[in-house]
Amino acid sequence: MPVTSVDISDELMNFIDSIIEQGFARNRREVILRALEVYARFEVHRWNGPFITINGIRNALISKASMSELTSGLSEQELYDAGKRMGKTLKDLVIQQRWDISRTDNRRKAVQVIEEEGWGRFDIDQDRITITGAIVRAALLHGYLETALSLKLSRMDTTDDIMVFEIKKTNATKS
């Protein structure tokens, strides 16, 4: 593995050391390598001024409170329909990446995209999708995932902290 050295300002070095002191990393090398991995994964080199590009798609940061305000007043059906329309954006990425989403591992890659964008934590297997810490309401996420992953889902009754969608078995989803 190649070795390189760079000059780092005192301010950045203090920041790195504070990350280590807080227990988020073991050493300076780990902080720098993780930072570069995030830089590459989120395509920071493609960011231009106020425009954030991730996976070739322009993104915007929006708070959970703003998202809640945006969707307040919408019925469950309106949220579901909005989610179906929004899911086309992830579906386009899936098509562009040539991911066969009938395969569970590729579904994981697809939901990882929105997980990295802060939508929540996703766990997916052959039978269900479980989401914790979601930024959007269940009905919207239901429609979104159905469209994006070309699945038919049924929502299980759960608390507000966790969403569980059961994957309905069809000929297309039998793996």
C-alpha atoms as a PDB file:
ATOM      1  CA  MET A   1       0.000   0.000   0.000  1.00  0.00           C
ATOM      2  CA  PRO A   2       1.456   3.389  -0.963  1.00  0.00           C
ATOM      3  CA  VAL A   3       2.379   5.812   1.805  1.00  0.00           C
ATOM      4  CA  THR A   4       1.877   9.544   1.497  1.00  0.00           C
ATOM      5  CA  SER A   5       2.197  12.545   3.750  1.00  0.00           C
ATOM      6  CA  VAL A   6       0.303  15.808   3.762  1.00  0.00           C
ATOM      7  CA  ASP A   7       0.424  19.038   5.691  1.00  0.00           C
ATOM      8  CA  ILE A   8      -2.637  19.473   7.910  1.00  0.00           C
ATOM      9  CA  SER A   9      -3.573  22.726   9.602  1.00  0.00           C
ATOM     10  CA  ASP A  10      -3.559  22.891  13.387  1.00  0.00           C
ATOM     11  CA  GLU A  11      -7.331  23.434  13.320  1.00  0.00           C
ATOM     12  CA  LEU A  12      -7.949  20.229  11.341  1.00  0.00           C
ATOM     13  CA  MET A  13      -5.464  18.290  13.462  1.00  0.00           C
ATOM     14  CA  ASN A  14      -7.297  19.420  16.616  1.00  0.00           C
ATOM     15  CA  PHE A  15     -10.567  18.301  15.020  1.00  0.00           C
ATOM     16  CA  ILE A  16      -9.093  14.878  14.181  1.00  0.00           C
ATOM     17  CA  ASP A  17      -7.756  14.517  17.705  1.00  0.00           C
ATOM     18  CA  SER A  18     -11.160  15.449  19.181  1.00  0.00           C
ATOM     19  CA  ILE A  19     -12.795  12.696  17.111  1.00  0.00           C
ATOM     20  CA  ILE A  20     -10.297  10.228  18.573  1.00  0.00           C
ATOM     21  CA  GLU A  21     -10.804  11.547  22.121  1.00  0.00           C
ATOM     22  CA  GLN A  22     -14.568  11.101  21.749  1.00  0.00           C
ATOM     23  CA  GLY A  23     -14.018   7.476  20.774  1.00  0.00           C
ATOM     24  CA  PHE A  24     -15.262   7.745  17.194  1.00  0.00           C
ATOM     25  CA  ALA A  25     -11.925   6.494  15.849  1.00  0.00           C
ATOM     26  CA  ARG A  26      -8.806   4.806  17.212  1.00  0.00           C
ATOM     27  CA  ASN A  27      -6.178   6.950  15.511  1.00  0.00           C
ATOM     28  CA  ARG A  28      -5.500   9.689  12.971  1.00  0.00           C
ATOM     29  CA  ARG A  29      -4.999   7.195  10.150  1.00  0.00           C
ATOM     30  CA  GLU A  30      -8.493   5.769  10.685  1.00  0.00           C
ATOM     31  CA  VAL A  31     -10.077   9.248  10.661  1.00  0.00           C
ATOM     32  CA  ILE A  32      -8.353  10.234   7.431  1.00  0.00           C
ATOM     33  CA  LEU A  33      -9.073   6.958   5.633  1.00  0.00           C
ATOM     34  CA  ARG A  34     -12.752   7.055   6.659  1.00  0.00           C
ATOM     35  CA  ALA A  35     -12.976  10.657   5.481  1.00  0.00           C
ATOM     36  CA  LEU A  36     -11.573   9.699   2.078  1.00  0.00           C
ATOM     37  CA  GLU A  37     -13.949   6.740   1.790  1.00  0.00           C
ATOM     38  CA  VAL A  38     -16.914   9.032   2.472  1.00  0.00           C
ATOM     39  CA  TYR A  39     -15.504  11.586   0.015  1.00  0.00           C
ATOM     40  CA  ALA A  40     -15.435   8.896  -2.690  1.00  0.00           C
ATOM     41  CA  ARG A  41     -18.767   7.207  -1.814  1.00  0.00           C
ATOM     42  CA  PHE A  42     -20.676  10.494  -1.748  1.00  0.00           C
ATOM     43  CA  GLU A  43     -18.852  11.850  -4.815  1.00  0.00           C
ATOM     44  CA  VAL A  44     -17.844  15.022  -2.974  1.00  0.00           C
ATOM     45  CA  HIS A  45     -15.474  15.842  -5.850  1.00  0.00           C
ATOM     46  CA  ARG A  46     -18.594  16.385  -8.012  1.00  0.00           C
ATOM     47  CA  TRP A  47     -20.179  18.857  -5.589  1.00  0.00           C
ATOM     48  CA  ASN A  48     -20.315  22.320  -7.114  1.00  0.00           C
ATOM     49  CA  GLY A  49     -21.241  25.248  -4.908  1.00  0.00           C
ATOM     50  CA  PRO A  50     -24.631  24.574  -3.355  1.00  0.00           C
ATOM     51  CA  PHE A  51     -25.243  21.457  -5.483  1.00  0.00           C
ATOM     52  CA  ILE A  52     -24.748  18.039  -3.903  1.00  0.00           C
ATOM     53  CA  THR A  53     -24.409  15.068  -6.273  1.00  0.00           C
ATOM     54  CA  ILE A  54     -24.496  11.485  -4.987  1.00  0.00           C
ATOM     55  CA  ASN A  55     -24.664   8.444  -7.282  1.00  0.00           C
ATOM     56  CA  GLY A  56     -25.019  10.809 -10.220  1.00  0.00           C
ATOM     57  CA  ILE A  57     -28.188  12.333  -8.758  1.00  0.00           C
ATOM     58  CA  ARG A  58     -28.520  15.879  -7.430  1.00  0.00           C
ATOM     59  CA  ASN A  59     -29.563  15.812  -3.775  1.00  0.00           C
ATOM     60  CA  ALA A  60     -30.652  18.349  -1.206  1.00  0.00           C
ATOM     61  CA  LEU A  61     -30.462  18.198   2.544  1.00  0.00           C
ATOM     62  CA  ILE A  62     -33.800  18.572   4.282  1.00  0.00           C
ATOM     63  CA  SER A  63     -34.510  18.280   7.971  1.00  0.00           C
ATOM     64  CA  LYS A  64     -36.909  15.700   9.363  1.00  0.00           C
ATOM     65  CA  ALA A  65     -39.043  18.560  10.680  1.00  0.00           C
ATOM     66  CA  SER A  66     -39.247  20.120   7.198  1.00  0.00           C
ATOM     67  CA  MET A  67     -40.112  16.753   5.666  1.00  0.00           C
ATOM     68  CA  SER A  68     -42.832  16.314   8.272  1.00  0.00           C
ATOM     69  CA  GLU A  69     -44.250  19.758   7.445  1.00  0.00           C
ATOM     70  CA  LEU A  70     -44.109  18.980   3.721  1.00  0.00           C
ATOM     71  CA  THR A  71     -46.186  15.831   4.167  1.00  0.00           C
ATOM     72  CA  SER A  72     -48.531  17.042   6.913  1.00  0.00           C
ATOM     73  CA  GLY A  73     -52.131  17.238   5.866  1.00  0.00           C
ATOM     74  CA  LEU A  74     -51.774  14.483   3.265  1.00  0.00           C
ATOM     75  CA  SER A  75     -53.966  11.405   3.630  1.00  0.00           C
ATOM     76  CA  GLU A  76     -52.439   7.928   3.842  1.00  0.00           C
ATOM     77  CA  GLN A  77     -53.466   7.333   0.205  1.00  0.00           C
ATOM     78  CA  GLU A  78     -51.917  10.628  -0.943  1.00  0.00           C
ATOM     79  CA  LEU A  79     -48.689   9.745   0.877  1.00  0.00           C
ATOM     80  CA  TYR A  80     -48.648   6.274  -0.689  1.00  0.00           C
ATOM     81  CA  ASP A  81     -49.236   7.741  -4.170  1.00  0.00           C
ATOM     82  CA  ALA A  82     -46.513  10.358  -3.630  1.00  0.00           C
ATOM     83  CA  GLY A  83     -44.147   7.585  -2.529  1.00  0.00           C
ATOM     84  CA  LYS A  84     -44.929   5.608  -5.694  1.00  0.00           C
ATOM     85  CA  ARG A  85     -44.031   8.646  -7.802  1.00  0.00           C
ATOM     86  CA  MET A  86     -40.870   9.342  -5.781  1.00  0.00           C
ATOM     87  CA  GLY A  87     -39.769   5.708  -5.992  1.00  0.00           C
ATOM     88  CA  LYS A  88     -39.166   6.168  -9.725  1.00  0.00           C
ATOM     89  CA  THR A  89     -35.976   8.072  -8.899  1.00  0.00           C
ATOM     90  CA  LEU A  90     -34.405   5.095  -7.122  1.00  0.00           C
ATOM     91  CA  LYS A  91     -35.781   2.746  -9.790  1.00  0.00           C
ATOM     92  CA  ASP A  92     -33.990   4.837 -12.442  1.00  0.00           C
ATOM     93  CA  LEU A  93     -30.727   4.480 -10.513  1.00  0.00           C
ATOM     94  CA  VAL A  94     -31.261   0.719 -10.168  1.00  0.00           C
ATOM     95  CA  ILE A  95     -31.799   0.462 -13.935  1.00  0.00           C
ATOM     96  CA  GLN A  96     -28.759   2.655 -14.634  1.00  0.00           C
ATOM     97  CA  GLN A  97     -26.574   0.481 -12.359  1.00  0.00           C
ATOM     98  CA  ARG A  98     -27.981  -2.695 -14.002  1.00  0.00           C
ATOM     99  CA  TRP A  99     -28.888  -4.208 -10.640  1.00  0.00           C
ATOM    100  CA  ASP A 100     -31.209  -7.205 -10.914  1.00  0.00           C
ATOM    101  CA  ILE A 101     -33.541  -6.280  -8.054  1.00  0.00           C
ATOM    102  CA  SER A 102     -35.159  -9.695  -8.050  1.00  0.00           C
ATOM    103  CA  ARG A 103     -32.004 -10.643  -6.112  1.00  0.00           C
ATOM    104  CA  THR A 104     -32.049  -9.754  -2.401  1.00  0.00           C
ATOM    105  CA  ASP A 105     -28.399  -8.612  -2.410  1.00  0.00           C
ATOM    106  CA  ASN A 106     -29.179  -6.046  -5.108  1.00  0.00           C
ATOM    107  CA  ARG A 107     -32.253  -4.878  -3.202  1.00  0.00           C
ATOM    108  CA  ARG A 108     -29.896  -4.303  -0.262  1.00  0.00           C
ATOM    109  CA  LYS A 109     -27.657  -2.167  -2.484  1.00  0.00           C
ATOM    110  CA  ALA A 110     -30.665  -0.150  -3.630  1.00  0.00           C
ATOM    111  CA  VAL A 111     -31.961   0.596  -0.130  1.00  0.00           C
ATOM    112  CA  GLN A 112     -28.400   1.337   0.981  1.00  0.00           C
ATOM    113  CA  VAL A 113     -28.519   4.317  -1.383  1.00  0.00           C
ATOM    114  CA  ILE A 114     -31.430   5.906   0.482  1.00  0.00           C
ATOM    115  CA  GLU A 115     -30.042   4.765   3.823  1.00  0.00           C
ATOM    116  CA  GLU A 116     -26.858   6.706   3.080  1.00  0.00           C
ATOM    117  CA  GLU A 117     -29.023   9.707   2.225  1.00  0.00           C
ATOM    118  CA  GLY A 118     -30.467   9.609   5.742  1.00  0.00           C
ATOM    119  CA  TRP A 119     -33.868   7.996   5.136  1.00  0.00           C
ATOM    120  CA  GLY A 120     -33.390   5.559   8.040  1.00  0.00           C
ATOM    121  CA  ARG A 121     -31.828   2.151   8.731  1.00  0.00           C
ATOM    122  CA  PHE A 122     -32.952  -0.615   6.398  1.00  0.00           C
ATOM    123  CA  ASP A 123     -32.740  -4.350   6.898  1.00  0.00           C
ATOM    124  CA  ILE A 124     -33.980  -6.463   4.013  1.00  0.00           C
ATOM    125  CA  ASP A 125     -34.231 -10.196   3.457  1.00  0.00           C
ATOM    126  CA  GLN A 126     -36.354 -12.547   1.333  1.00  0.00           C
ATOM    127  CA  ASP A 127     -39.492 -11.982   3.414  1.00  0.00           C
ATOM    128  CA  ARG A 128     -39.499  -8.448   4.753  1.00  0.00           C
ATOM    129  CA  ILE A 129     -38.041  -4.980   4.892  1.00  0.00           C
ATOM    130  CA  THR A 130     -37.556  -3.479   8.353  1.00  0.00           C
ATOM    131  CA  ILE A 131     -36.881   0.239   8.778  1.00  0.00           C
ATOM    132  CA  THR A 132     -35.897   2.074  11.944  1.00  0.00           C
ATOM    133  CA  GLY A 133     -35.438   5.810  12.339  1.00  0.00           C
ATOM    134  CA  ALA A 134     -37.321   6.650   9.132  1.00  0.00           C
ATOM    135  CA  ILE A 135     -37.499  10.284   8.070  1.00  0.00           C
ATOM    136  CA  VAL A 136     -40.794   9.855   6.209  1.00  0.00           C
ATOM    137  CA  ARG A 137     -44.124   8.354   7.200  1.00  0.00           C
ATOM    138  CA  ALA A 138     -44.872   4.688   6.591  1.00  0.00           C
ATOM    139  CA  ALA A 139     -47.409   5.200   3.793  1.00  0.00           C
ATOM    140  CA  LEU A 140     -44.941   7.259   1.753  1.00  0.00           C
ATOM    141  CA  LEU A 141     -42.147   4.740   2.295  1.00  0.00           C
ATOM    142  CA  HIS A 142     -44.518   1.904   1.407  1.00  0.00           C
ATOM    143  CA  GLY A 143     -45.265   3.377  -2.021  1.00  0.00           C
ATOM    144  CA  TYR A 144     -41.650   4.402  -2.546  1.00  0.00           C
ATOM    145  CA  LEU A 145     -40.248   0.916  -1.906  1.00  0.00           C
ATOM    146  CA  GLU A 146     -42.910  -0.821  -3.980  1.00  0.00           C
ATOM    147  CA  THR A 147     -42.037   1.257  -7.031  1.00  0.00           C
ATOM    148  CA  ALA A 148     -38.279   1.394  -6.516  1.00  0.00           C
ATOM    149  CA  LEU A 149     -37.897  -2.340  -5.903  1.00  0.00           C
ATOM    150  CA  SER A 150     -40.754  -3.569  -8.131  1.00  0.00           C
ATOM    151  CA  LEU A 151     -42.318  -5.372  -5.176  1.00  0.00           C
ATOM    152  CA  LYS A 152     -45.765  -5.677  -3.685  1.00  0.00           C
ATOM    153  CA  LEU A 153     -45.551  -5.018   0.050  1.00  0.00           C
ATOM    154  CA  SER A 154     -47.969  -5.273   2.927  1.00  0.00           C
ATOM    155  CA  ARG A 155     -47.422  -3.091   5.962  1.00  0.00           C
ATOM    156  CA  MET A 156     -47.331  -4.871   9.303  1.00  0.00           C
ATOM    157  CA  ASP A 157     -48.805  -3.204  12.373  1.00  0.00           C
ATOM    158  CA  THR A 158     -45.866  -1.857  14.414  1.00  0.00           C
ATOM    159  CA  THR A 159     -44.956   1.040  16.688  1.00  0.00           C
ATOM    160  CA  ASP A 160     -43.925   4.417  15.278  1.00  0.00           C
ATOM    161  CA  ASP A 161     -40.258   3.615  15.911  1.00  0.00           C
ATOM    162  CA  ILE A 162     -40.120   0.706  13.491  1.00  0.00           C
ATOM    163  CA  MET A 163     -41.715  -0.074  10.138  1.00  0.00           C
ATOM    164  CA  VAL A 164     -42.005  -3.581   8.775  1.00  0.00           C
ATOM    165  CA  PHE A 165     -43.133  -4.368   5.255  1.00  0.00           C
ATOM    166  CA  GLU A 166     -43.765  -7.958   4.327  1.00  0.00           C
ATOM    167  CA  ILE A 167     -42.816  -8.870   0.760  1.00  0.00           C
ATOM    168  CA  LYS A 168     -45.799 -10.463  -0.951  1.00  0.00           C
ATOM    169  CA  LYS A 169     -44.701 -13.521  -2.883  1.00  0.00           C
ATOM    170  CA  THR A 170     -45.368 -13.466  -6.620  1.00  0.00           C
ATOM    171  CA  ASN A 171     -43.660 -15.258  -9.472  1.00  0.00           C
ATOM    172  CA  ALA A 172     -41.357 -12.227  -9.859  1.00  0.00           C
ATOM    173  CA  THR A 173     -40.281 -12.225  -6.192  1.00  0.00           C
ATOM    174  CA  LYS A 174     -39.633 -15.936  -5.731  1.00  0.00           C
ATOM    175  CA  SER A 175     -35.857 -16.258  -5.577  1.00  0.00           C
END
